[in-house]
Amino acid sequence: MAEKEAPKQPTHRAYSVIRREGQDDFWLNVGLVFPHKDGGGFNIMLQAFPLDGKIVCREITDDDHDDAPAQRRQSNGGRSSHDARRR
Protein backbone atom coordinates (compact mmCIF):
# COMPACT_ATOMS: atom_id res chain seq x y z
CA MET A 1 0.00 0.00 0.00
CA ALA A 2 1.37 3.41 -0.98
CA GLU A 3 2.11 5.83 1.83
CA LYS A 4 0.58 9.33 1.67
CA GLU A 5 2.92 12.19 0.82
CA ALA A 6 3.38 14.71 3.61
CA PRO A 7 2.22 18.20 2.69
CA LYS A 8 5.12 20.53 2.05
CA GLN A 9 3.02 23.41 3.38
CA PRO A 10 1.34 23.75 6.78
CA THR A 11 -2.38 22.97 6.93
CA HIS A 12 -3.20 24.99 10.07
CA ARG A 13 -2.03 28.06 11.98
CA ALA A 14 -1.54 28.00 15.75
CA TYR A 15 -2.84 30.94 17.79
CA SER A 16 -2.90 32.22 21.33
CA VAL A 17 -6.18 34.06 21.93
CA ILE A 18 -5.66 37.07 24.17
CA ARG A 19 -8.82 38.18 25.99
CA ARG A 20 -9.16 41.97 26.21
CA GLU A 21 -11.78 43.59 28.41
CA GLY A 22 -14.07 45.86 26.41
CA GLN A 23 -12.41 44.92 23.09
CA ASP A 24 -12.43 42.04 20.62
CA ASP A 25 -10.16 39.12 21.45
CA PHE A 26 -6.72 39.34 19.83
CA TRP A 27 -5.59 36.25 17.91
CA LEU A 28 -1.78 36.14 18.07
CA ASN A 29 -0.19 33.82 15.48
CA VAL A 30 2.33 31.69 17.42
CA GLY A 31 3.12 28.94 14.91
CA LEU A 32 2.24 26.52 12.13
CA VAL A 33 0.82 22.97 12.07
CA PHE A 34 1.98 20.18 9.73
CA PRO A 35 0.17 16.79 9.51
CA HIS A 36 2.14 13.55 9.85
CA LYS A 37 2.71 11.48 6.70
CA ASP A 38 0.37 8.75 7.95
CA GLY A 39 -2.38 11.26 8.78
CA GLY A 40 -2.43 10.14 12.41
CA GLY A 41 -1.14 13.30 14.07
CA PHE A 42 0.46 16.72 13.73
CA ASN A 43 3.73 18.53 14.31
CA ILE A 44 3.23 21.99 15.78
CA MET A 45 6.11 24.39 15.19
CA LEU A 46 5.84 27.23 17.72
CA GLN A 47 7.60 30.59 17.55
CA ALA A 48 6.20 31.53 20.97
CA PHE A 49 4.42 29.72 23.80
CA PRO A 50 1.12 31.07 25.18
CA LEU A 51 1.28 32.14 28.83
CA ASP A 52 -2.03 30.41 29.57
CA GLY A 53 -0.88 27.18 27.89
CA LYS A 54 -3.81 27.14 25.44
CA ILE A 55 -3.20 26.87 21.68
CA VAL A 56 -6.00 27.24 19.12
CA CYS A 57 -5.36 25.62 15.70
CA ARG A 58 -7.32 26.81 12.65
CA GLU A 59 -7.18 25.54 9.07
CA ILE A 60 -5.38 27.79 6.61
CA THR A 61 -7.82 28.92 3.93
CA ASP A 62 -7.32 30.40 0.46
CA ASP A 63 -8.47 33.80 1.68
CA ASP A 64 -6.21 33.62 4.75
CA HIS A 65 -4.02 36.61 3.90
CA ASP A 66 -3.87 37.86 7.48
CA ASP A 67 -2.69 36.34 10.74
CA ALA A 68 -6.22 36.16 12.16
CA PRO A 69 -9.08 33.84 11.18
CA ALA A 70 -11.70 35.60 9.03
CA GLN A 71 -14.49 35.30 11.59
CA ARG A 72 -12.33 37.02 14.22
CA ARG A 73 -11.16 39.99 12.13
CA GLN A 74 -12.42 43.34 13.29
CA SER A 75 -14.77 45.35 11.11
CA ASN A 76 -12.26 48.21 11.05
CA GLY A 77 -9.72 46.11 9.16
CA GLY A 78 -8.34 44.05 12.02
CA ARG A 79 -4.76 44.05 13.22
CA SER A 80 -1.63 42.77 11.60
CA SER A 81 1.06 40.74 13.32
CA HIS A 82 3.03 43.98 13.68
CA ASP A 83 0.41 45.20 16.18
CA ALA A 84 0.85 42.13 18.39
CA ARG A 85 3.01 43.95 20.93
CA ARG A 86 0.46 46.71 21.50
CA ARG A 87 -2.59 46.08 23.68
PDB file of N, CA and C in Angstrom:
ATOM      1  N   MET A   1       0.832  -1.174   0.000  1.00  0.00           N
ATOM      2  CA  MET A   1       0.000   0.000   0.000  1.00  0.00           C
ATOM      3  C   MET A   1       0.880   1.242   0.000  1.00  0.00           C
ATOM      4  N   ALA A   2       0.564   2.196  -0.866  1.00  0.00           N
ATOM      5  CA  ALA A   2       1.367   3.413  -0.980  1.00  0.00           C
ATOM      6  C   ALA A   2       1.116   4.331   0.210  1.00  0.00           C
ATOM      7  N   GLU A   3       2.205   4.912   0.703  1.00  0.00           N
ATOM      8  CA  GLU A   3       2.107   5.833   1.828  1.00  0.00           C
ATOM      9  C   GLU A   3       1.772   7.228   1.318  1.00  0.00           C
ATOM     10  N   LYS A   4       0.942   7.970   2.063  1.00  0.00           N
ATOM     11  CA  LYS A   4       0.585   9.334   1.670  1.00  0.00           C
ATOM     12  C   LYS A   4       1.809  10.235   1.725  1.00  0.00           C
ATOM     13  N   GLU A   5       1.854  11.187   0.799  1.00  0.00           N
ATOM     14  CA  GLU A   5       2.917  12.187   0.819  1.00  0.00           C
ATOM     15  C   GLU A   5       2.591  13.242   1.866  1.00  0.00           C
ATOM     16  N   ALA A   6       3.586  13.648   2.621  1.00  0.00           N
ATOM     17  CA  ALA A   6       3.378  14.709   3.607  1.00  0.00           C
ATOM     18  C   ALA A   6       3.274  16.049   2.890  1.00  0.00           C
ATOM     19  N   PRO A   7       2.323  16.878   3.304  1.00  0.00           N
ATOM     20  CA  PRO A   7       2.225  18.203   2.692  1.00  0.00           C
ATOM     21  C   PRO A   7       3.500  18.998   2.937  1.00  0.00           C
ATOM     22  N   LYS A   8       3.927  19.707   1.916  1.00  0.00           N
ATOM     23  CA  LYS A   8       5.118  20.530   2.055  1.00  0.00           C
ATOM     24  C   LYS A   8       4.780  21.862   2.719  1.00  0.00           C
ATOM     25  N   GLN A   9       3.499  22.170   2.778  1.00  0.00           N
ATOM     26  CA  GLN A   9       3.018  23.408   3.383  1.00  0.00           C
ATOM     27  C   GLN A   9       2.207  23.074   4.639  1.00  0.00           C
ATOM     28  N   PRO A  10       2.164  23.994   5.593  1.00  0.00           N
ATOM     29  CA  PRO A  10       1.338  23.746   6.780  1.00  0.00           C
ATOM     30  C   PRO A  10      -0.145  23.750   6.418  1.00  0.00           C
ATOM     31  N   THR A  11      -0.937  23.025   7.176  1.00  0.00           N
ATOM     32  CA  THR A  11      -2.381  22.974   6.932  1.00  0.00           C
ATOM     33  C   THR A  11      -3.163  23.842   7.914  1.00  0.00           C
ATOM     34  N   HIS A  12      -2.538  24.199   9.030  1.00  0.00           N
ATOM     35  CA  HIS A  12      -3.200  24.993  10.068  1.00  0.00           C
ATOM     36  C   HIS A  12      -2.234  26.047  10.608  1.00  0.00           C
ATOM     37  N   ARG A  13      -2.807  27.076  11.223  1.00  0.00           N
ATOM     38  CA  ARG A  13      -2.034  28.058  11.982  1.00  0.00           C
ATOM     39  C   ARG A  13      -2.349  27.847  13.459  1.00  0.00           C
ATOM     40  N   ALA A  14      -1.361  28.097  14.307  1.00  0.00           N
ATOM     41  CA  ALA A  14      -1.542  27.996  15.755  1.00  0.00           C
ATOM     42  C   ALA A  14      -1.622  29.407  16.339  1.00  0.00           C
ATOM     43  N   TYR A  15      -2.608  29.619  17.206  1.00  0.00           N
ATOM     44  CA  TYR A  15      -2.843  30.945  17.788  1.00  0.00           C
ATOM     45  C   TYR A  15      -2.923  30.869  19.306  1.00  0.00           C
ATOM     46  N   SER A  16      -2.580  31.975  19.936  1.00  0.00           N
ATOM     47  CA  SER A  16      -2.900  32.221  21.330  1.00  0.00           C
ATOM     48  C   SER A  16      -3.949  33.322  21.316  1.00  0.00           C
ATOM     49  N   VAL A  17      -5.105  33.072  21.924  1.00  0.00           N
ATOM     50  CA  VAL A  17      -6.183  34.060  21.933  1.00  0.00           C
ATOM     51  C   VAL A  17      -6.066  34.878  23.216  1.00  0.00           C
ATOM     52  N   ILE A  18      -5.839  36.168  23.037  1.00  0.00           N
ATOM     53  CA  ILE A  18      -5.658  37.069  24.171  1.00  0.00           C
ATOM     54  C   ILE A  18      -6.979  37.786  24.430  1.00  0.00           C
ATOM     55  N   ARG A  19      -7.551  37.546  25.600  1.00  0.00           N
ATOM     56  CA  ARG A  19      -8.817  38.185  25.987  1.00  0.00           C
ATOM     57  C   ARG A  19      -8.528  39.623  26.402  1.00  0.00           C
ATOM     58  N   ARG A  20      -9.345  40.555  25.886  1.00  0.00           N
ATOM     59  CA  ARG A  20      -9.156  41.972  26.214  1.00  0.00           C
ATOM     60  C   ARG A  20     -10.497  42.555  26.646  1.00  0.00           C
ATOM     61  N   GLU A  21     -10.544  43.051  27.855  1.00  0.00           N
ATOM     62  CA  GLU A  21     -11.782  43.589  28.406  1.00  0.00           C
ATOM     63  C   GLU A  21     -12.246  44.800  27.602  1.00  0.00           C
ATOM     64  N   GLY A  22     -13.495  44.754  27.153  1.00  0.00           N
ATOM     65  CA  GLY A  22     -14.074  45.860  26.405  1.00  0.00           C
ATOM     66  C   GLY A  22     -13.648  45.930  24.948  1.00  0.00           C
ATOM     67  N   GLN A  23     -12.876  44.948  24.479  1.00  0.00           N
ATOM     68  CA  GLN A  23     -12.409  44.918  23.090  1.00  0.00           C
ATOM     69  C   GLN A  23     -12.561  43.500  22.550  1.00  0.00           C
ATOM     70  N   ASP A  24     -12.430  43.376  21.228  1.00  0.00           N
ATOM     71  CA  ASP A  24     -12.429  42.044  20.619  1.00  0.00           C
ATOM     72  C   ASP A  24     -11.197  41.278  21.083  1.00  0.00           C
ATOM     73  N   ASP A  25     -11.315  39.951  21.137  1.00  0.00           N
ATOM     74  CA  ASP A  25     -10.159  39.117  21.453  1.00  0.00           C
ATOM     75  C   ASP A  25      -9.095  39.308  20.382  1.00  0.00           C
ATOM     76  N   PHE A  26      -7.826  39.207  20.777  1.00  0.00           N
ATOM     77  CA  PHE A  26      -6.722  39.342  19.826  1.00  0.00           C
ATOM     78  C   PHE A  26      -6.138  37.963  19.570  1.00  0.00           C
ATOM     79  N   TRP A  27      -6.121  37.550  18.294  1.00  0.00           N
ATOM     80  CA  TRP A  27      -5.589  36.250  17.907  1.00  0.00           C
ATOM     81  C   TRP A  27      -4.136  36.433  17.486  1.00  0.00           C
ATOM     82  N   LEU A  28      -3.207  36.004  18.334  1.00  0.00           N
ATOM     83  CA  LEU A  28      -1.776  36.140  18.071  1.00  0.00           C
ATOM     84  C   LEU A  28      -1.261  34.860  17.415  1.00  0.00           C
ATOM     85  N   ASN A  29      -0.739  34.969  16.204  1.00  0.00           N
ATOM     86  CA  ASN A  29      -0.191  33.819  15.483  1.00  0.00           C
ATOM     87  C   ASN A  29       1.107  33.400  16.177  1.00  0.00           C
ATOM     88  N   VAL A  30       1.138  32.165  16.713  1.00  0.00           N
ATOM     89  CA  VAL A  30       2.327  31.694  17.419  1.00  0.00           C
ATOM     90  C   VAL A  30       3.021  30.534  16.713  1.00  0.00           C
ATOM     91  N   GLY A  31       2.459  30.043  15.592  1.00  0.00           N
ATOM     92  CA  GLY A  31       3.123  28.944  14.913  1.00  0.00           C
ATOM     93  C   GLY A  31       2.313  28.336  13.783  1.00  0.00           C
ATOM     94  N   LEU A  32       2.851  27.225  13.253  1.00  0.00           N
ATOM     95  CA  LEU A  32       2.241  26.518  12.130  1.00  0.00           C
ATOM     96  C   LEU A  32       2.094  25.040  12.471  1.00  0.00           C
ATOM     97  N   VAL A  33       1.137  24.377  11.799  1.00  0.00           N
ATOM     98  CA  VAL A  33       0.824  22.974  12.071  1.00  0.00           C
ATOM     99  C   VAL A  33       0.974  22.163  10.785  1.00  0.00           C
ATOM    100  N   PHE A  34       1.728  21.061  10.871  1.00  0.00           N
ATOM    101  CA  PHE A  34       1.975  20.176   9.734  1.00  0.00           C
ATOM    102  C   PHE A  34       1.471  18.776  10.082  1.00  0.00           C
ATOM    103  N   PRO A  35       0.642  18.158   9.223  1.00  0.00           N
ATOM    104  CA  PRO A  35       0.169  16.795   9.511  1.00  0.00           C
ATOM    105  C   PRO A  35       1.279  15.762   9.290  1.00  0.00           C
ATOM    106  N   HIS A  36       1.201  14.658  10.041  1.00  0.00           N
ATOM    107  CA  HIS A  36       2.137  13.548   9.847  1.00  0.00           C
ATOM    108  C   HIS A  36       1.856  12.868   8.508  1.00  0.00           C
ATOM    109  N   LYS A  37       2.855  12.193   7.983  1.00  0.00           N
ATOM    110  CA  LYS A  37       2.708  11.485   6.702  1.00  0.00           C
ATOM    111  C   LYS A  37       1.565  10.478   6.734  1.00  0.00           C
ATOM    112  N   ASP A  38       1.412   9.784   7.868  1.00  0.00           N
ATOM    113  CA  ASP A  38       0.372   8.753   7.950  1.00  0.00           C
ATOM    114  C   ASP A  38      -1.007   9.315   8.294  1.00  0.00           C
ATOM    115  N   GLY A  39      -1.104  10.637   8.481  1.00  0.00           N
ATOM    116  CA  GLY A  39      -2.385  11.262   8.783  1.00  0.00           C
ATOM    117  C   GLY A  39      -2.856  11.060  10.213  1.00  0.00           C
ATOM    118  N   GLY A  40      -2.020  10.458  11.052  1.00  0.00           N
ATOM    119  CA  GLY A  40      -2.430  10.138  12.411  1.00  0.00           C
ATOM    120  C   GLY A  40      -2.063  11.161  13.472  1.00  0.00           C
ATOM    121  N   GLY A  41      -1.530  12.295  13.073  1.00  0.00           N
ATOM    122  CA  GLY A  41      -1.142  13.295  14.067  1.00  0.00           C
ATOM    123  C   GLY A  41      -0.595  14.546  13.405  1.00  0.00           C
ATOM    124  N   PHE A  42      -0.043  15.433  14.218  1.00  0.00           N
ATOM    125  CA  PHE A  42       0.456  16.716  13.726  1.00  0.00           C
ATOM    126  C   PHE A  42       1.759  17.095  14.413  1.00  0.00           C
ATOM    127  N   ASN A  43       2.586  17.847  13.718  1.00  0.00           N
ATOM    128  CA  ASN A  43       3.729  18.529  14.312  1.00  0.00           C
ATOM    129  C   ASN A  43       3.352  19.996  14.407  1.00  0.00           C
ATOM    130  N   ILE A  44       3.528  20.575  15.586  1.00  0.00           N
ATOM    131  CA  ILE A  44       3.233  21.994  15.785  1.00  0.00           C
ATOM    132  C   ILE A  44       4.557  22.707  16.008  1.00  0.00           C
ATOM    133  N   MET A  45       4.865  23.627  15.113  1.00  0.00           N
ATOM    134  CA  MET A  45       6.108  24.391  15.190  1.00  0.00           C
ATOM    135  C   MET A  45       5.780  25.765  15.771  1.00  0.00           C
ATOM    136  N   LEU A  46       6.176  25.988  17.032  1.00  0.00           N
ATOM    137  CA  LEU A  46       5.840  27.231  17.716  1.00  0.00           C
ATOM    138  C   LEU A  46       6.988  28.227  17.664  1.00  0.00           C
ATOM    139  N   GLN A  47       6.637  29.493  17.476  1.00  0.00           N
ATOM    140  CA  GLN A  47       7.596  30.592  17.554  1.00  0.00           C
ATOM    141  C   GLN A  47       7.514  31.252  18.925  1.00  0.00           C
ATOM    142  N   ALA A  48       6.426  31.004  19.625  1.00  0.00           N
ATOM    143  CA  ALA A  48       6.199  31.526  20.973  1.00  0.00           C
ATOM    144  C   ALA A  48       5.287  30.545  21.692  1.00  0.00           C
ATOM    145  N   PHE A  49       5.276  30.609  23.023  1.00  0.00           N
ATOM    146  CA  PHE A  49       4.416  29.723  23.797  1.00  0.00           C
ATOM    147  C   PHE A  49       3.428  30.568  24.588  1.00  0.00           C
ATOM    148  N   PRO A  50       2.134  30.281  24.475  1.00  0.00           N
ATOM    149  CA  PRO A  50       1.123  31.071  25.184  1.00  0.00           C
ATOM    150  C   PRO A  50       1.303  30.986  26.700  1.00  0.00           C
ATOM    151  N   LEU A  51       1.140  32.109  27.377  1.00  0.00           N
ATOM    152  CA  LEU A  51       1.282  32.136  28.829  1.00  0.00           C
ATOM    153  C   LEU A  51       0.235  31.287  29.527  1.00  0.00           C
ATOM    154  N   ASP A  52      -0.971  31.200  28.940  1.00  0.00           N
ATOM    155  CA  ASP A  52      -2.032  30.410  29.566  1.00  0.00           C
ATOM    156  C   ASP A  52      -1.974  28.935  29.176  1.00  0.00           C
ATOM    157  N   GLY A  53      -1.036  28.570  28.289  1.00  0.00           N
ATOM    158  CA  GLY A  53      -0.878  27.177  27.886  1.00  0.00           C
ATOM    159  C   GLY A  53      -1.879  26.687  26.862  1.00  0.00           C
ATOM    160  N   LYS A  54      -2.782  27.547  26.398  1.00  0.00           N
ATOM    161  CA  LYS A  54      -3.814  27.143  25.437  1.00  0.00           C
ATOM    162  C   LYS A  54      -3.415  27.564  24.026  1.00  0.00           C
ATOM    163  N   ILE A  55      -3.496  26.613  23.089  1.00  0.00           N
ATOM    164  CA  ILE A  55      -3.201  26.875  21.682  1.00  0.00           C
ATOM    165  C   ILE A  55      -4.452  26.538  20.874  1.00  0.00           C
ATOM    166  N   VAL A  56      -4.860  27.454  20.001  1.00  0.00           N
ATOM    167  CA  VAL A  56      -6.004  27.237  19.116  1.00  0.00           C
ATOM    168  C   VAL A  56      -5.457  27.029  17.708  1.00  0.00           C
ATOM    169  N   CYS A  57      -5.807  25.910  17.064  1.00  0.00           N
ATOM    170  CA  CYS A  57      -5.359  25.622  15.699  1.00  0.00           C
ATOM    171  C   CYS A  57      -6.529  25.797  14.739  1.00  0.00           C
ATOM    172  N   ARG A  58      -6.294  26.555  13.666  1.00  0.00           N
ATOM    173  CA  ARG A  58      -7.320  26.815  12.652  1.00  0.00           C
ATOM    174  C   ARG A  58      -6.750  26.476  11.284  1.00  0.00           C
ATOM    175  N   GLU A  59      -7.598  25.852  10.433  1.00  0.00           N
ATOM    176  CA  GLU A  59      -7.181  25.536   9.071  1.00  0.00           C
ATOM    177  C   GLU A  59      -6.798  26.798   8.314  1.00  0.00           C
ATOM    178  N   ILE A  60      -5.769  26.691   7.494  1.00  0.00           N
ATOM    179  CA  ILE A  60      -5.382  27.787   6.612  1.00  0.00           C
ATOM    180  C   ILE A  60      -6.302  27.732   5.403  1.00  0.00           C
ATOM    181  N   THR A  61      -6.909  28.860   5.062  1.00  0.00           N
ATOM    182  CA  THR A  61      -7.823  28.924   3.926  1.00  0.00           C
ATOM    183  C   THR A  61      -7.211  29.748   2.806  1.00  0.00           C
ATOM    184  N   ASP A  62      -7.810  29.646   1.610  1.00  0.00           N
ATOM    185  CA  ASP A  62      -7.317  30.400   0.459  1.00  0.00           C
ATOM    186  C   ASP A  62      -7.360  31.898   0.690  1.00  0.00           C
ATOM    187  N   ASP A  63      -8.355  32.359   1.431  1.00  0.00           N
ATOM    188  CA  ASP A  63      -8.474  33.798   1.680  1.00  0.00           C
ATOM    189  C   ASP A  63      -7.766  34.221   2.964  1.00  0.00           C
ATOM    190  N   ASP A  64      -6.942  33.336   3.521  1.00  0.00           N
ATOM    191  CA  ASP A  64      -6.205  33.621   4.749  1.00  0.00           C
ATOM    192  C   ASP A  64      -4.954  34.434   4.428  1.00  0.00           C
ATOM    193  N   HIS A  65      -5.138  35.734   4.232  1.00  0.00           N
ATOM    194  CA  HIS A  65      -4.016  36.611   3.901  1.00  0.00           C
ATOM    195  C   HIS A  65      -3.540  37.378   5.117  1.00  0.00           C
ATOM    196  N   ASP A  66      -4.188  37.164   6.250  1.00  0.00           N
ATOM    197  CA  ASP A  66      -3.872  37.864   7.484  1.00  0.00           C
ATOM    198  C   ASP A  66      -3.480  36.818   8.520  1.00  0.00           C
ATOM    199  N   ASP A  67      -3.051  37.250   9.672  1.00  0.00           N
ATOM    200  CA  ASP A  67      -2.688  36.340  10.744  1.00  0.00           C
ATOM    201  C   ASP A  67      -3.872  35.938  11.610  1.00  0.00           C
ATOM    202  N   ALA A  68      -5.052  36.475  11.345  1.00  0.00           N
ATOM    203  CA  ALA A  68      -6.222  36.163  12.163  1.00  0.00           C
ATOM    204  C   ALA A  68      -7.280  35.464  11.324  1.00  0.00           C
ATOM    205  N   PRO A  69      -8.000  34.492  11.915  1.00  0.00           N
ATOM    206  CA  PRO A  69      -9.084  33.844  11.177  1.00  0.00           C
ATOM    207  C   PRO A  69     -10.129  34.867  10.757  1.00  0.00           C
ATOM    208  N   ALA A  70     -10.761  34.642   9.618  1.00  0.00           N
ATOM    209  CA  ALA A  70     -11.703  35.600   9.031  1.00  0.00           C
ATOM    210  C   ALA A  70     -12.826  35.959   9.990  1.00  0.00           C
ATOM    211  N   GLN A  71     -13.368  34.994  10.722  1.00  0.00           N
ATOM    212  CA  GLN A  71     -14.492  35.297  11.589  1.00  0.00           C
ATOM    213  C   GLN A  71     -14.076  36.106  12.812  1.00  0.00           C
ATOM    214  N   ARG A  72     -12.803  36.263  13.068  1.00  0.00           N
ATOM    215  CA  ARG A  72     -12.330  37.020  14.221  1.00  0.00           C
ATOM    216  C   ARG A  72     -11.775  38.393  13.841  1.00  0.00           C
ATOM    217  N   ARG A  73     -11.681  38.692  12.544  1.00  0.00           N
ATOM    218  CA  ARG A  73     -11.163  39.991  12.131  1.00  0.00           C
ATOM    219  C   ARG A  73     -12.119  41.087  12.538  1.00  0.00           C
ATOM    220  N   GLN A  74     -11.579  42.220  12.890  1.00  0.00           N
ATOM    221  CA  GLN A  74     -12.416  43.340  13.293  1.00  0.00           C
ATOM    222  C   GLN A  74     -12.971  44.031  12.067  1.00  0.00           C
ATOM    223  N   SER A  75     -14.133  44.673  12.229  1.00  0.00           N
ATOM    224  CA  SER A  75     -14.771  45.352  11.105  1.00  0.00           C
ATOM    225  C   SER A  75     -13.963  46.547  10.627  1.00  0.00           C
ATOM    226  N   ASN A  76     -13.065  47.066  11.454  1.00  0.00           N
ATOM    227  CA  ASN A  76     -12.256  48.210  11.053  1.00  0.00           C
ATOM    228  C   ASN A  76     -10.974  47.797  10.335  1.00  0.00           C
ATOM    229  N   GLY A  77     -10.886  46.556   9.903  1.00  0.00           N
ATOM    230  CA  GLY A  77      -9.716  46.105   9.162  1.00  0.00           C
ATOM    231  C   GLY A  77      -8.828  45.169   9.939  1.00  0.00           C
ATOM    232  N   GLY A  78      -9.115  44.981  11.226  1.00  0.00           N
ATOM    233  CA  GLY A  78      -8.335  44.045  12.018  1.00  0.00           C
ATOM    234  C   GLY A  78      -6.958  44.568  12.346  1.00  0.00           C
ATOM    235  N   ARG A  79      -6.122  43.690  12.840  1.00  0.00           N
ATOM    236  CA  ARG A  79      -4.758  44.054  13.216  1.00  0.00           C
ATOM    237  C   ARG A  79      -3.798  43.125  12.506  1.00  0.00           C
ATOM    238  N   SER A  80      -2.651  43.618  12.211  1.00  0.00           N
ATOM    239  CA  SER A  80      -1.629  42.773  11.600  1.00  0.00           C
ATOM    240  C   SER A  80      -0.735  42.219  12.694  1.00  0.00           C
ATOM    241  N   SER A  81       0.149  41.316  12.340  1.00  0.00           N
ATOM    242  CA  SER A  81       1.058  40.737  13.321  1.00  0.00           C
ATOM    243  C   SER A  81       1.999  41.792  13.887  1.00  0.00           C
ATOM    244  N   HIS A  82       2.170  42.914  13.186  1.00  0.00           N
ATOM    245  CA  HIS A  82       3.034  43.984  13.676  1.00  0.00           C
ATOM    246  C   HIS A  82       2.420  44.684  14.878  1.00  0.00           C
ATOM    247  N   ASP A  83       1.094  44.568  15.058  1.00  0.00           N
ATOM    248  CA  ASP A  83       0.412  45.201  16.179  1.00  0.00           C
ATOM    249  C   ASP A  83       0.379  44.298  17.405  1.00  0.00           C
ATOM    250  N   ALA A  84       0.965  43.123  17.324  1.00  0.00           N
ATOM    251  CA  ALA A  84       0.851  42.133  18.386  1.00  0.00           C
ATOM    252  C   ALA A  84       1.426  42.624  19.708  1.00  0.00           C
ATOM    253  N   ARG A  85       2.392  43.492  19.689  1.00  0.00           N
ATOM    254  CA  ARG A  85       3.014  43.945  20.926  1.00  0.00           C
ATOM    255  C   ARG A  85       2.189  45.006  21.635  1.00  0.00           C
ATOM    256  N   ARG A  86       1.296  45.658  20.904  1.00  0.00           N
ATOM    257  CA  ARG A  86       0.463  46.709  21.497  1.00  0.00           C
ATOM    258  C   ARG A  86      -0.844  46.118  21.987  1.00  0.00           C
ATOM    259  N   ARG A  87      -1.293  46.529  23.163  1.00  0.00           N
ATOM    260  CA  ARG A  87      -2.589  46.081  23.682  1.00  0.00           C
ATOM    261  C   ARG A  87      -3.350  47.235  24.237  1.00  0.00           C
TER     262      ARG A  87
END
